[in-house]
Amino acid sequence: MNTQANVSPHLRQSRAAVDSQRHTADISPRACNTGKAADYLGVPKTTLKLSRTTGLLCGRPAPAYKKLERAVLYEYKTLDEWLDSLPEYASTAQAMEAQS
C-alpha cells in the first residue's frame, strides 16, 4: 500500500521543505539548532528552551541535546525518536479518554 497517497500534498511539500532545509541551513546535516528543532517538533522555541531546564517537554521527558561550545544542537534522529514515543489516536474522543 502506498502511504504517500494517504498524505496530503501540502504535508508532502512541508516534509520536502524541511528535508531540503535540513541539509543546507544547519550546522550539520545530522543536527539542528533550537529554533529548527522547535519547528520540527511543532512546539514554540521558548518551550523547547525551557525543556532543557525542566527535563520535560509536553509532559514527557525532553529530547536530549548536545553542546558544541555555546551552540545547542539537537540530532534529527533524537527528535524523530521523541516524536515516535508520542501516542497516536484515531479520534479526538480517544485522545480525551486517554487523558482522563
PDB file of N, CA and C in Angstrom:
ATOM      1  N   MET A   1       0.830  -1.177   0.000  1.00  0.00           N
ATOM      2  CA  MET A   1       0.000   0.000   0.000  1.00  0.00           C
ATOM      3  C   MET A   1       0.874   1.240   0.000  1.00  0.00           C
ATOM      4  N   ASN A   2       0.596   2.190  -0.839  1.00  0.00           N
ATOM      5  CA  ASN A   2       1.387   3.401  -0.965  1.00  0.00           C
ATOM      6  C   ASN A   2       0.960   4.407   0.093  1.00  0.00           C
ATOM      7  N   THR A   3       1.842   4.644   1.090  1.00  0.00           N
ATOM      8  CA  THR A   3       1.491   5.583   2.149  1.00  0.00           C
ATOM      9  C   THR A   3       1.545   7.019   1.659  1.00  0.00           C
ATOM     10  N   GLN A   4       2.300   7.298   0.616  1.00  0.00           N
ATOM     11  CA  GLN A   4       2.362   8.650   0.055  1.00  0.00           C
ATOM     12  C   GLN A   4       0.988   9.087  -0.439  1.00  0.00           C
ATOM     13  N   ALA A   5       0.174   8.168  -0.924  1.00  0.00           N
ATOM     14  CA  ALA A   5      -1.140   8.507  -1.450  1.00  0.00           C
ATOM     15  C   ALA A   5      -2.064   9.010  -0.344  1.00  0.00           C
ATOM     16  N   ASN A   6      -1.829   8.581   0.898  1.00  0.00           N
ATOM     17  CA  ASN A   6      -2.668   8.983   2.016  1.00  0.00           C
ATOM     18  C   ASN A   6      -2.243  10.313   2.633  1.00  0.00           C
ATOM     19  N   VAL A   7      -1.130  10.856   2.207  1.00  0.00           N
ATOM     20  CA  VAL A   7      -0.607  12.096   2.767  1.00  0.00           C
ATOM     21  C   VAL A   7      -1.015  13.259   1.875  1.00  0.00           C
ATOM     22  N   SER A   8      -1.492  14.336   2.500  1.00  0.00           N
ATOM     23  CA  SER A   8      -1.939  15.489   1.717  1.00  0.00           C
ATOM     24  C   SER A   8      -0.757  16.105   0.966  1.00  0.00           C
ATOM     25  N   PRO A   9      -1.012  16.711  -0.193  1.00  0.00           N
ATOM     26  CA  PRO A   9       0.069  17.348  -0.954  1.00  0.00           C
ATOM     27  C   PRO A   9       0.775  18.432  -0.149  1.00  0.00           C
ATOM     28  N   HIS A  10       0.011  19.167   0.673  1.00  0.00           N
ATOM     29  CA  HIS A  10       0.617  20.217   1.489  1.00  0.00           C
ATOM     30  C   HIS A  10       1.628  19.629   2.466  1.00  0.00           C
ATOM     31  N   LEU A  11       1.257  18.519   3.126  1.00  0.00           N
ATOM     32  CA  LEU A  11       2.157  17.883   4.076  1.00  0.00           C
ATOM     33  C   LEU A  11       3.388  17.332   3.374  1.00  0.00           C
ATOM     34  N   ARG A  12       3.207  16.739   2.175  1.00  0.00           N
ATOM     35  CA  ARG A  12       4.372  16.258   1.421  1.00  0.00           C
ATOM     36  C   ARG A  12       5.310  17.414   1.117  1.00  0.00           C
ATOM     37  N   GLN A  13       4.766  18.575   0.721  1.00  0.00           N
ATOM     38  CA  GLN A  13       5.598  19.742   0.426  1.00  0.00           C
ATOM     39  C   GLN A  13       6.312  20.212   1.684  1.00  0.00           C
ATOM     40  N   SER A  14       5.608  20.210   2.834  1.00  0.00           N
ATOM     41  CA  SER A  14       6.218  20.641   4.084  1.00  0.00           C
ATOM     42  C   SER A  14       7.386  19.732   4.455  1.00  0.00           C
ATOM     43  N   ARG A  15       7.168  18.429   4.331  1.00  0.00           N
ATOM     44  CA  ARG A  15       8.250  17.488   4.643  1.00  0.00           C
ATOM     45  C   ARG A  15       9.434  17.685   3.698  1.00  0.00           C
ATOM     46  N   ALA A  16       9.144  17.902   2.429  1.00  0.00           N
ATOM     47  CA  ALA A  16      10.213  18.122   1.456  1.00  0.00           C
ATOM     48  C   ALA A  16      10.980  19.392   1.788  1.00  0.00           C
ATOM     49  N   ALA A  17      10.256  20.434   2.202  1.00  0.00           N
ATOM     50  CA  ALA A  17      10.916  21.694   2.551  1.00  0.00           C
ATOM     51  C   ALA A  17      11.808  21.513   3.769  1.00  0.00           C
ATOM     52  N   VAL A  18      11.313  20.780   4.781  1.00  0.00           N
ATOM     53  CA  VAL A  18      12.126  20.529   5.972  1.00  0.00           C
ATOM     54  C   VAL A  18      13.359  19.723   5.603  1.00  0.00           C
ATOM     55  N   ASP A  19      13.178  18.687   4.780  1.00  0.00           N
ATOM     56  CA  ASP A  19      14.316  17.866   4.376  1.00  0.00           C
ATOM     57  C   ASP A  19      15.351  18.673   3.614  1.00  0.00           C
ATOM     58  N   SER A  20      14.916  19.554   2.709  1.00  0.00           N
ATOM     59  CA  SER A  20      15.880  20.331   1.937  1.00  0.00           C
ATOM     60  C   SER A  20      16.573  21.353   2.825  1.00  0.00           C
ATOM     61  N   GLN A  21      15.843  21.968   3.755  1.00  0.00           N
ATOM     62  CA  GLN A  21      16.451  22.928   4.669  1.00  0.00           C
ATOM     63  C   GLN A  21      17.388  22.223   5.636  1.00  0.00           C
ATOM     64  N   ARG A  22      17.031  21.005   6.019  1.00  0.00           N
ATOM     65  CA  ARG A  22      17.835  20.240   6.966  1.00  0.00           C
ATOM     66  C   ARG A  22      19.269  20.122   6.477  1.00  0.00           C
ATOM     67  N   HIS A  23      19.437  19.927   5.185  1.00  0.00           N
ATOM     68  CA  HIS A  23      20.763  19.658   4.655  1.00  0.00           C
ATOM     69  C   HIS A  23      21.502  20.902   4.185  1.00  0.00           C
ATOM     70  N   THR A  24      20.849  22.052   4.142  1.00  0.00           N
ATOM     71  CA  THR A  24      21.527  23.240   3.651  1.00  0.00           C
ATOM     72  C   THR A  24      21.739  24.306   4.708  1.00  0.00           C
ATOM     73  N   ALA A  25      20.817  24.460   5.653  1.00  0.00           N
ATOM     74  CA  ALA A  25      20.878  25.598   6.552  1.00  0.00           C
ATOM     75  C   ALA A  25      21.426  25.271   7.936  1.00  0.00           C
ATOM     76  N   ASP A  26      21.617  24.034   8.282  1.00  0.00           N
ATOM     77  CA  ASP A  26      22.041  23.673   9.621  1.00  0.00           C
ATOM     78  C   ASP A  26      23.556  23.573   9.718  1.00  0.00           C
ATOM     79  N   ILE A  27      24.003  23.532  10.967  1.00  0.00           N
ATOM     80  CA  ILE A  27      25.431  23.378  11.223  1.00  0.00           C
ATOM     81  C   ILE A  27      25.895  22.025  10.697  1.00  0.00           C
ATOM     82  N   SER A  28      25.055  21.043  10.849  1.00  0.00           N
ATOM     83  CA  SER A  28      25.365  19.677  10.435  1.00  0.00           C
ATOM     84  C   SER A  28      24.121  19.073   9.799  1.00  0.00           C
ATOM     85  N   PRO A  29      24.275  18.194   8.799  1.00  0.00           N
ATOM     86  CA  PRO A  29      23.094  17.545   8.239  1.00  0.00           C
ATOM     87  C   PRO A  29      22.419  16.599   9.231  1.00  0.00           C
ATOM     88  N   ARG A  30      23.103  16.236  10.291  1.00  0.00           N
ATOM     89  CA  ARG A  30      22.543  15.341  11.304  1.00  0.00           C
ATOM     90  C   ARG A  30      21.859  16.078  12.430  1.00  0.00           C
ATOM     91  N   ALA A  31      22.144  17.372  12.570  1.00  0.00           N
ATOM     92  CA  ALA A  31      21.674  18.108  13.739  1.00  0.00           C
ATOM     93  C   ALA A  31      21.195  19.500  13.357  1.00  0.00           C
ATOM     94  N   CYS A  32      20.450  20.107  14.271  1.00  0.00           N
ATOM     95  CA  CYS A  32      19.932  21.457  14.029  1.00  0.00           C
ATOM     96  C   CYS A  32      19.962  22.251  15.327  1.00  0.00           C
ATOM     97  N   ASN A  33      19.765  23.558  15.196  1.00  0.00           N
ATOM     98  CA  ASN A  33      19.736  24.424  16.370  1.00  0.00           C
ATOM     99  C   ASN A  33      18.363  24.372  17.033  1.00  0.00           C
ATOM    100  N   THR A  34      18.195  25.113  18.115  1.00  0.00           N
ATOM    101  CA  THR A  34      16.956  25.083  18.885  1.00  0.00           C
ATOM    102  C   THR A  34      15.751  25.533  18.071  1.00  0.00           C
ATOM    103  N   GLY A  35      15.901  26.597  17.306  1.00  0.00           N
ATOM    104  CA  GLY A  35      14.788  27.111  16.509  1.00  0.00           C
ATOM    105  C   GLY A  35      14.290  26.104  15.496  1.00  0.00           C
ATOM    106  N   LYS A  36      15.200  25.481  14.788  1.00  0.00           N
ATOM    107  CA  LYS A  36      14.807  24.492  13.780  1.00  0.00           C
ATOM    108  C   LYS A  36      14.243  23.233  14.450  1.00  0.00           C
ATOM    109  N   ALA A  37      14.804  22.864  15.597  1.00  0.00           N
ATOM    110  CA  ALA A  37      14.284  21.698  16.325  1.00  0.00           C
ATOM    111  C   ALA A  37      12.858  21.963  16.800  1.00  0.00           C
ATOM    112  N   ALA A  38      12.603  23.172  17.288  1.00  0.00           N
ATOM    113  CA  ALA A  38      11.254  23.523  17.747  1.00  0.00           C
ATOM    114  C   ALA A  38      10.272  23.473  16.575  1.00  0.00           C
ATOM    115  N   ASP A  39      10.661  24.012  15.435  1.00  0.00           N
ATOM    116  CA  ASP A  39       9.808  23.953  14.243  1.00  0.00           C
ATOM    117  C   ASP A  39       9.544  22.505  13.844  1.00  0.00           C
ATOM    118  N   TYR A  40      10.568  21.689  13.884  1.00  0.00           N
ATOM    119  CA  TYR A  40      10.464  20.278  13.501  1.00  0.00           C
ATOM    120  C   TYR A  40       9.473  19.536  14.407  1.00  0.00           C
ATOM    121  N   LEU A  41       9.508  19.870  15.713  1.00  0.00           N
ATOM    122  CA  LEU A  41       8.632  19.204  16.674  1.00  0.00           C
ATOM    123  C   LEU A  41       7.249  19.845  16.751  1.00  0.00           C
ATOM    124  N   GLY A  42       7.136  21.062  16.244  1.00  0.00           N
ATOM    125  CA  GLY A  42       5.857  21.753  16.292  1.00  0.00           C
ATOM    126  C   GLY A  42       5.567  22.405  17.632  1.00  0.00           C
ATOM    127  N   VAL A  43       6.616  22.814  18.344  1.00  0.00           N
ATOM    128  CA  VAL A  43       6.455  23.496  19.627  1.00  0.00           C
ATOM    129  C   VAL A  43       7.149  24.852  19.550  1.00  0.00           C
ATOM    130  N   PRO A  44       6.752  25.804  20.406  1.00  0.00           N
ATOM    131  CA  PRO A  44       7.445  27.093  20.425  1.00  0.00           C
ATOM    132  C   PRO A  44       8.909  26.938  20.848  1.00  0.00           C
ATOM    133  N   LYS A  45       9.745  27.793  20.317  1.00  0.00           N
ATOM    134  CA  LYS A  45      11.177  27.763  20.628  1.00  0.00           C
ATOM    135  C   LYS A  45      11.395  27.929  22.135  1.00  0.00           C
ATOM    136  N   THR A  46      10.657  28.840  22.760  1.00  0.00           N
ATOM    137  CA  THR A  46      10.827  29.072  24.200  1.00  0.00           C
ATOM    138  C   THR A  46      10.454  27.833  25.010  1.00  0.00           C
ATOM    139  N   THR A  47       9.474  27.082  24.549  1.00  0.00           N
ATOM    140  CA  THR A  47       9.075  25.849  25.240  1.00  0.00           C
ATOM    141  C   THR A  47      10.201  24.818  25.171  1.00  0.00           C
ATOM    142  N   LEU A  48      10.826  24.704  24.007  1.00  0.00           N
ATOM    143  CA  LEU A  48      11.936  23.758  23.862  1.00  0.00           C
ATOM    144  C   LEU A  48      13.125  24.203  24.714  1.00  0.00           C
ATOM    145  N   LYS A  49      13.398  25.505  24.743  1.00  0.00           N
ATOM    146  CA  LYS A  49      14.489  26.014  25.587  1.00  0.00           C
ATOM    147  C   LYS A  49      14.227  25.694  27.063  1.00  0.00           C
ATOM    148  N   LEU A  50      12.982  25.923  27.502  1.00  0.00           N
ATOM    149  CA  LEU A  50      12.626  25.652  28.891  1.00  0.00           C
ATOM    150  C   LEU A  50      12.763  24.165  29.216  1.00  0.00           C
ATOM    151  N   SER A  51      12.506  23.306  28.242  1.00  0.00           N
ATOM    152  CA  SER A  51      12.596  21.858  28.483  1.00  0.00           C
ATOM    153  C   SER A  51      14.011  21.432  28.845  1.00  0.00           C
ATOM    154  N   ARG A  52      15.006  22.203  28.426  1.00  0.00           N
ATOM    155  CA  ARG A  52      16.388  21.867  28.796  1.00  0.00           C
ATOM    156  C   ARG A  52      16.620  22.079  30.283  1.00  0.00           C
ATOM    157  N   THR A  53      15.849  22.958  30.906  1.00  0.00           N
ATOM    158  CA  THR A  53      15.958  23.210  32.343  1.00  0.00           C
ATOM    159  C   THR A  53      15.097  22.244  33.142  1.00  0.00           C
ATOM    160  N   THR A  54      13.858  22.040  32.674  1.00  0.00           N
ATOM    161  CA  THR A  54      12.920  21.203  33.433  1.00  0.00           C
ATOM    162  C   THR A  54      13.082  19.714  33.157  1.00  0.00           C
ATOM    163  N   GLY A  55      13.606  19.395  31.987  1.00  0.00           N
ATOM    164  CA  GLY A  55      13.726  17.989  31.599  1.00  0.00           C
ATOM    165  C   GLY A  55      12.450  17.422  31.006  1.00  0.00           C
ATOM    166  N   LEU A  56      11.406  18.270  30.882  1.00  0.00           N
ATOM    167  CA  LEU A  56      10.122  17.820  30.345  1.00  0.00           C
ATOM    168  C   LEU A  56       9.706  18.673  29.164  1.00  0.00           C
ATOM    169  N   LEU A  57       9.127  18.024  28.171  1.00  0.00           N
ATOM    170  CA  LEU A  57       8.551  18.712  27.019  1.00  0.00           C
ATOM    171  C   LEU A  57       7.174  18.117  26.799  1.00  0.00           C
ATOM    172  N   CYS A  58       6.151  18.939  26.958  1.00  0.00           N
ATOM    173  CA  CYS A  58       4.754  18.478  26.803  1.00  0.00           C
ATOM    174  C   CYS A  58       4.444  17.320  27.746  1.00  0.00           C
ATOM    175  N   GLY A  59       4.984  17.399  28.965  1.00  0.00           N
ATOM    176  CA  GLY A  59       4.706  16.373  29.964  1.00  0.00           C
ATOM    177  C   GLY A  59       5.451  15.070  29.790  1.00  0.00           C
ATOM    178  N   ARG A  60       6.390  15.044  28.881  1.00  0.00           N
ATOM    179  CA  ARG A  60       7.183  13.832  28.613  1.00  0.00           C
ATOM    180  C   ARG A  60       8.656  14.187  28.772  1.00  0.00           C
ATOM    181  N   PRO A  61       9.537  13.192  28.967  1.00  0.00           N
ATOM    182  CA  PRO A  61      10.964  13.506  29.011  1.00  0.00           C
ATOM    183  C   PRO A  61      11.394  14.235  27.730  1.00  0.00           C
ATOM    184  N   ALA A  62      12.116  15.323  27.912  1.00  0.00           N
ATOM    185  CA  ALA A  62      12.542  16.148  26.776  1.00  0.00           C
ATOM    186  C   ALA A  62      13.589  15.419  25.939  1.00  0.00           C
ATOM    187  N   PRO A  63      13.657  15.742  24.643  1.00  0.00           N
ATOM    188  CA  PRO A  63      14.693  15.121  23.821  1.00  0.00           C
ATOM    189  C   PRO A  63      16.078  15.586  24.265  1.00  0.00           C
ATOM    190  N   ALA A  64      17.031  14.695  24.160  1.00  0.00           N
ATOM    191  CA  ALA A  64      18.412  15.019  24.530  1.00  0.00           C
ATOM    192  C   ALA A  64      18.997  15.999  23.531  1.00  0.00           C
ATOM    193  N   TYR A  65      19.955  16.781  23.994  1.00  0.00           N
ATOM    194  CA  TYR A  65      20.642  17.743  23.128  1.00  0.00           C
ATOM    195  C   TYR A  65      22.139  17.654  23.372  1.00  0.00           C
ATOM    196  N   LYS A  66      22.886  18.285  22.506  1.00  0.00           N
ATOM    197  CA  LYS A  66      24.342  18.308  22.619  1.00  0.00           C
ATOM    198  C   LYS A  66      24.808  19.750  22.630  1.00  0.00           C
ATOM    199  N   LYS A  67      25.952  19.987  23.258  1.00  0.00           N
ATOM    200  CA  LYS A  67      26.540  21.321  23.275  1.00  0.00           C
ATOM    201  C   LYS A  67      27.839  21.287  22.485  1.00  0.00           C
ATOM    202  N   LEU A  68      27.992  22.279  21.643  1.00  0.00           N
ATOM    203  CA  LEU A  68      29.238  22.479  20.909  1.00  0.00           C
ATOM    204  C   LEU A  68      29.642  23.907  21.207  1.00  0.00           C
ATOM    205  N   GLU A  69      30.544  24.056  22.181  1.00  0.00           N
ATOM    206  CA  GLU A  69      30.864  25.354  22.742  1.00  0.00           C
ATOM    207  C   GLU A  69      29.574  25.988  23.257  1.00  0.00           C
ATOM    208  N   ARG A  70      29.108  27.102  22.705  1.00  0.00           N
ATOM    209  CA  ARG A  70      27.875  27.735  23.185  1.00  0.00           C
ATOM    210  C   ARG A  70      26.645  27.270  22.412  1.00  0.00           C
ATOM    211  N   ALA A  71      26.856  26.572  21.314  1.00  0.00           N
ATOM    212  CA  ALA A  71      25.735  26.142  20.470  1.00  0.00           C
ATOM    213  C   ALA A  71      25.040  24.925  21.074  1.00  0.00           C
ATOM    214  N   VAL A  72      23.721  24.946  21.017  1.00  0.00           N
ATOM    215  CA  VAL A  72      22.904  23.800  21.428  1.00  0.00           C
ATOM    216  C   VAL A  72      22.440  23.111  20.154  1.00  0.00           C
ATOM    217  N   LEU A  73      22.671  21.813  20.076  1.00  0.00           N
ATOM    218  CA  LEU A  73      22.311  21.052  18.888  1.00  0.00           C
ATOM    219  C   LEU A  73      21.402  19.882  19.251  1.00  0.00           C
ATOM    220  N   TYR A  74      20.424  19.666  18.394  1.00  0.00           N
ATOM    221  CA  TYR A  74      19.539  18.513  18.519  1.00  0.00           C
ATOM    222  C   TYR A  74      19.744  17.639  17.295  1.00  0.00           C
ATOM    223  N   GLU A  75      20.009  16.359  17.512  1.00  0.00           N
ATOM    224  CA  GLU A  75      20.129  15.446  16.381  1.00  0.00           C
ATOM    225  C   GLU A  75      18.731  15.087  15.888  1.00  0.00           C
ATOM    226  N   TYR A  76      18.551  15.079  14.571  1.00  0.00           N
ATOM    227  CA  TYR A  76      17.255  14.723  13.988  1.00  0.00           C
ATOM    228  C   TYR A  76      16.824  13.327  14.421  1.00  0.00           C
ATOM    229  N   LYS A  77      17.776  12.430  14.558  1.00  0.00           N
ATOM    230  CA  LYS A  77      17.477  11.059  14.997  1.00  0.00           C
ATOM    231  C   LYS A  77      16.805  11.086  16.373  1.00  0.00           C
ATOM    232  N   THR A  78      17.313  11.907  17.279  1.00  0.00           N
ATOM    233  CA  THR A  78      16.753  12.026  18.621  1.00  0.00           C
ATOM    234  C   THR A  78      15.363  12.656  18.579  1.00  0.00           C
ATOM    235  N   LEU A  79      15.187  13.676  17.727  1.00  0.00           N
ATOM    236  CA  LEU A  79      13.883  14.318  17.593  1.00  0.00           C
ATOM    237  C   LEU A  79      12.853  13.338  17.032  1.00  0.00           C
ATOM    238  N   ASP A  80      13.270  12.540  16.048  1.00  0.00           N
ATOM    239  CA  ASP A  80      12.372  11.528  15.480  1.00  0.00           C
ATOM    240  C   ASP A  80      11.974  10.490  16.532  1.00  0.00           C
ATOM    241  N   GLU A  81      12.921  10.073  17.358  1.00  0.00           N
ATOM    242  CA  GLU A  81      12.629   9.101  18.416  1.00  0.00           C
ATOM    243  C   GLU A  81      11.640   9.694  19.417  1.00  0.00           C
ATOM    244  N   TRP A  82      11.799  10.990  19.737  1.00  0.00           N
ATOM    245  CA  TRP A  82      10.875  11.641  20.666  1.00  0.00           C
ATOM    246  C   TRP A  82       9.469  11.678  20.065  1.00  0.00           C
ATOM    247  N   LEU A  83       9.377  12.060  18.798  1.00  0.00           N
ATOM    248  CA  LEU A  83       8.071  12.086  18.136  1.00  0.00           C
ATOM    249  C   LEU A  83       7.451  10.698  18.086  1.00  0.00           C
ATOM    250  N   ASP A  84       8.262   9.683  17.820  1.00  0.00           N
ATOM    251  CA  ASP A  84       7.765   8.306  17.750  1.00  0.00           C
ATOM    252  C   ASP A  84       7.246   7.815  19.106  1.00  0.00           C
ATOM    253  N   SER A  85       7.737   8.408  20.194  1.00  0.00           N
ATOM    254  CA  SER A  85       7.307   7.980  21.534  1.00  0.00           C
ATOM    255  C   SER A  85       5.936   8.533  21.908  1.00  0.00           C
ATOM    256  N   LEU A  86       5.425   9.487  21.140  1.00  0.00           N
ATOM    257  CA  LEU A  86       4.114  10.063  21.431  1.00  0.00           C
ATOM    258  C   LEU A  86       3.015   9.075  21.043  1.00  0.00           C
ATOM    259  N   PRO A  87       1.951   9.023  21.829  1.00  0.00           N
ATOM    260  CA  PRO A  87       0.852   8.119  21.478  1.00  0.00           C
ATOM    261  C   PRO A  87       0.101   8.612  20.248  1.00  0.00           C
ATOM    262  N   GLU A  88      -0.486   7.683  19.526  1.00  0.00           N
ATOM    263  CA  GLU A  88      -1.308   8.019  18.359  1.00  0.00           C
ATOM    264  C   GLU A  88      -2.761   7.730  18.693  1.00  0.00           C
ATOM    265  N   TYR A  89      -3.631   8.578  18.154  1.00  0.00           N
ATOM    266  CA  TYR A  89      -5.057   8.436  18.411  1.00  0.00           C
ATOM    267  C   TYR A  89      -5.815   8.437  17.092  1.00  0.00           C
ATOM    268  N   ALA A  90      -6.901   7.702  17.058  1.00  0.00           N
ATOM    269  CA  ALA A  90      -7.745   7.639  15.866  1.00  0.00           C
ATOM    270  C   ALA A  90      -8.790   8.750  15.865  1.00  0.00           C
ATOM    271  N   SER A  91      -9.065   9.321  17.056  1.00  0.00           N
ATOM    272  CA  SER A  91     -10.086  10.363  17.137  1.00  0.00           C
ATOM    273  C   SER A  91      -9.809  11.251  18.343  1.00  0.00           C
ATOM    274  N   THR A  92     -10.447  12.414  18.353  1.00  0.00           N
ATOM    275  CA  THR A  92     -10.342  13.318  19.491  1.00  0.00           C
ATOM    276  C   THR A  92     -10.936  12.656  20.726  1.00  0.00           C
ATOM    277  N   ALA A  93     -12.016  11.928  20.557  1.00  0.00           N
ATOM    278  CA  ALA A  93     -12.646  11.237  21.683  1.00  0.00           C
ATOM    279  C   ALA A  93     -11.675  10.253  22.317  1.00  0.00           C
ATOM    280  N   GLN A  94     -10.931   9.535  21.507  1.00  0.00           N
ATOM    281  CA  GLN A  94      -9.957   8.570  22.021  1.00  0.00           C
ATOM    282  C   GLN A  94      -8.851   9.293  22.797  1.00  0.00           C
ATOM    283  N   ALA A  95      -8.397  10.431  22.279  1.00  0.00           N
ATOM    284  CA  ALA A  95      -7.349  11.208  22.956  1.00  0.00           C
ATOM    285  C   ALA A  95      -7.849  11.742  24.289  1.00  0.00           C
ATOM    286  N   MET A  96      -9.082  12.237  24.308  1.00  0.00           N
ATOM    287  CA  MET A  96      -9.674  12.761  25.548  1.00  0.00           C
ATOM    288  C   MET A  96      -9.817  11.647  26.589  1.00  0.00           C
ATOM    289  N   GLU A  97     -10.213  10.478  26.136  1.00  0.00           N
ATOM    290  CA  GLU A  97     -10.368   9.343  27.046  1.00  0.00           C
ATOM    291  C   GLU A  97      -9.030   8.952  27.635  1.00  0.00           C
ATOM    292  N   ALA A  98      -7.979   8.986  26.859  1.00  0.00           N
ATOM    293  CA  ALA A  98      -6.649   8.606  27.320  1.00  0.00           C
ATOM    294  C   ALA A  98      -6.115   9.608  28.340  1.00  0.00           C
ATOM    295  N   GLN A  99      -6.513  10.863  28.210  1.00  0.00           N
ATOM    296  CA  GLN A  99      -6.021  11.900  29.123  1.00  0.00           C
ATOM    297  C   GLN A  99      -6.774  11.922  30.445  1.00  0.00           C
ATOM    298  N   SER A 100      -7.929  11.282  30.500  1.00  0.00           N
ATOM    299  CA  SER A 100      -8.710  11.304  31.756  1.00  0.00           C
ATOM    300  C   SER A 100      -8.406  10.140  32.649  1.00  0.00           C
TER     301      SER A 100
END
